C-alpha atoms as a PDB file:
ATOM      1  CA  MET A   1      -0.018  -0.002   0.003  1.00  0.00           C
ATOM      2  CA  LYS A   2       2.750   2.197   0.423  1.00  0.00           C
ATOM      3  CA  LEU A   3       4.772   1.290  -2.216  1.00  0.00           C
ATOM      4  CA  ILE A   4       1.264   2.378  -4.340  1.00  0.00           C
ATOM      5  CA  LEU A   5       1.301   5.210  -2.359  1.00  0.00           C
ATOM      6  CA  LEU A   6       4.792   6.311  -3.079  1.00  0.00           C
ATOM      7  CA  ALA A   7       4.903   5.748  -6.967  1.00  0.00           C
ATOM      8  CA  LYS A   8       1.622   7.766  -7.466  1.00  0.00           C
ATOM      9  CA  ASN A   9       3.069  10.971  -5.456  1.00  0.00           C
ATOM     10  CA  MET A  10       6.300  10.283  -7.500  1.00  0.00           C
ATOM     11  CA  LEU A  11       4.490  10.146 -10.552  1.00  0.00           C
ATOM     12  CA  LEU A  12       2.402  13.316  -9.905  1.00  0.00           C
ATOM     13  CA  ALA A  13       5.696  15.260  -9.046  1.00  0.00           C
ATOM     14  CA  LEU A  14       7.091  14.409 -12.487  1.00  0.00           C
ATOM     15  CA  LEU A  15       3.529  15.110 -14.609  1.00  0.00           C
ATOM     16  CA  LEU A  16       3.949  18.740 -12.413  1.00  0.00           C
ATOM     17  CA  LEU A  17       7.750  19.267 -12.689  1.00  0.00           C
ATOM     18  CA  ALA A  18       7.665  17.904 -16.625  1.00  0.00           C
ATOM     19  CA  PRO A  19       6.079  21.113 -17.804  1.00  0.00           C
ATOM     20  CA  LEU A  20       8.748  23.206 -16.078  1.00  0.00           C
ATOM     21  CA  SER A  21      11.840  21.113 -18.329  1.00  0.00           C
ATOM     22  CA  ALA A  22      10.901  23.489 -20.985  1.00  0.00           C
ATOM     23  CA  CYS A  23      11.354  26.675 -19.394  1.00  0.00           C
ATOM     24  CA  THR A  24      14.561  29.016 -20.144  1.00  0.00           C
ATOM     25  CA  LEU A  25      15.150  31.144 -18.620  1.00  0.00           C
ATOM     26  CA  LYS A  26      17.277  34.574 -20.169  1.00  0.00           C
ATOM     27  CA  VAL A  27      18.934  37.447 -18.773  1.00  0.00           C
ATOM     28  CA  ALA A  28      20.643  40.102 -20.755  1.00  0.00           C
ATOM     29  CA  ALA A  29      20.980  43.536 -21.241  1.00  0.00           C
ATOM     30  CA  PRO A  30      18.030  45.913 -21.791  1.00  0.00           C
ATOM     31  CA  ASP A  31      19.019  47.121 -25.631  1.00  0.00           C
ATOM     32  CA  LYS A  32      17.508  51.496 -24.380  1.00  0.00           C
ATOM     33  CA  PRO A  33      19.105  52.740 -21.210  1.00  0.00           C
ATOM     34  CA  ILE A  34      16.912  52.533 -18.069  1.00  0.00           C
ATOM     35  CA  THR A  35      15.003  56.418 -17.353  1.00  0.00           C
ATOM     36  CA  ILE A  36      13.370  57.644 -14.322  1.00  0.00           C
ATOM     37  CA  ASN A  37      11.356  60.201 -14.496  1.00  0.00           C
ATOM     38  CA  LEU A  38      11.784  62.624 -11.016  1.00  0.00           C
ATOM     39  CA  ASN A  39       9.398  65.196 -12.068  1.00  0.00           C
ATOM     40  CA  VAL A  40       6.927  63.692  -9.701  1.00  0.00           C
ATOM     41  CA  LYS A  41       9.076  64.916  -6.764  1.00  0.00           C
ATOM     42  CA  ILE A  42       9.090  68.426  -8.027  1.00  0.00           C
ATOM     43  CA  GLU A  43       6.287  69.310  -8.623  1.00  0.00           C
ATOM     44  CA  HIS A  44       4.339  67.681  -5.784  1.00  0.00           C
ATOM     45  CA  GLU A  45       6.595  69.935  -3.563  1.00  0.00           C
ATOM     46  CA  VAL A  46       5.717  72.988  -5.793  1.00  0.00           C
ATOM     47  CA  ARG A  47       2.661  72.081  -5.380  1.00  0.00           C
ATOM     48  CA  VAL A  48       2.998  71.862  -1.285  1.00  0.00           C
ATOM     49  CA  LYS A  49       4.839  75.045  -1.473  1.00  0.00           C
ATOM     50  CA  VAL A  50       2.335  77.450  -3.123  1.00  0.00           C
ATOM     51  CA  GLU A  51      -0.793  74.933  -1.372  1.00  0.00           C
ATOM     52  CA  LYS A  52       1.166  76.728   1.905  1.00  0.00           C
ATOM     53  CA  GLU A  53       1.547  79.547   0.947  1.00  0.00           C
ATOM     54  CA  LEU A  54      -1.936  80.090  -0.113  1.00  0.00           C
ATOM     55  CA  GLU A  55      -3.670  78.638   3.132  1.00  0.00           C
ATOM     56  CA  ASN A  56      -1.349  81.902   5.009  1.00  0.00           C
ATOM     57  CA  LEU A  57      -2.850  84.802   2.100  1.00  0.00           C
ATOM     58  CA  PHE A  58      -6.443  83.124   3.506  1.00  0.00           C
ATOM     59  CA  GLU A  59      -5.565  83.557   6.811  1.00  0.00           C
ATOM     60  CA  GLU A  60      -4.015  86.990   6.821  1.00  0.00           C
ATOM     61  CA  GLU A  61      -6.375  88.396   4.567  1.00  0.00           C
ATOM     62  CA  ASP A  62     -10.056  87.485   5.578  1.00  0.00           C
ATOM     63  CA  GLY A  63     -11.710  89.733   3.522  1.00  0.00           C
ATOM     64  CA  LEU A  64     -10.679  88.315   0.019  1.00  0.00           C
ATOM     65  CA  PHE A  65     -14.196  85.869  -0.319  1.00  0.00           C
END
């Protein structure tokens, strides 16, 4: 009984691993250089500064709106 169970488990393992034997892994350098866009951070900093200045302006002058 144990031998049959072991044989079934080995067969199942072989069936599950068989498709992986056809896979190949290829590591290569990219043709184009990698670029990182940093404009998002700069825009965010400008926005925060402008928002703070607007809040200060609204606090200082109550009669604007």
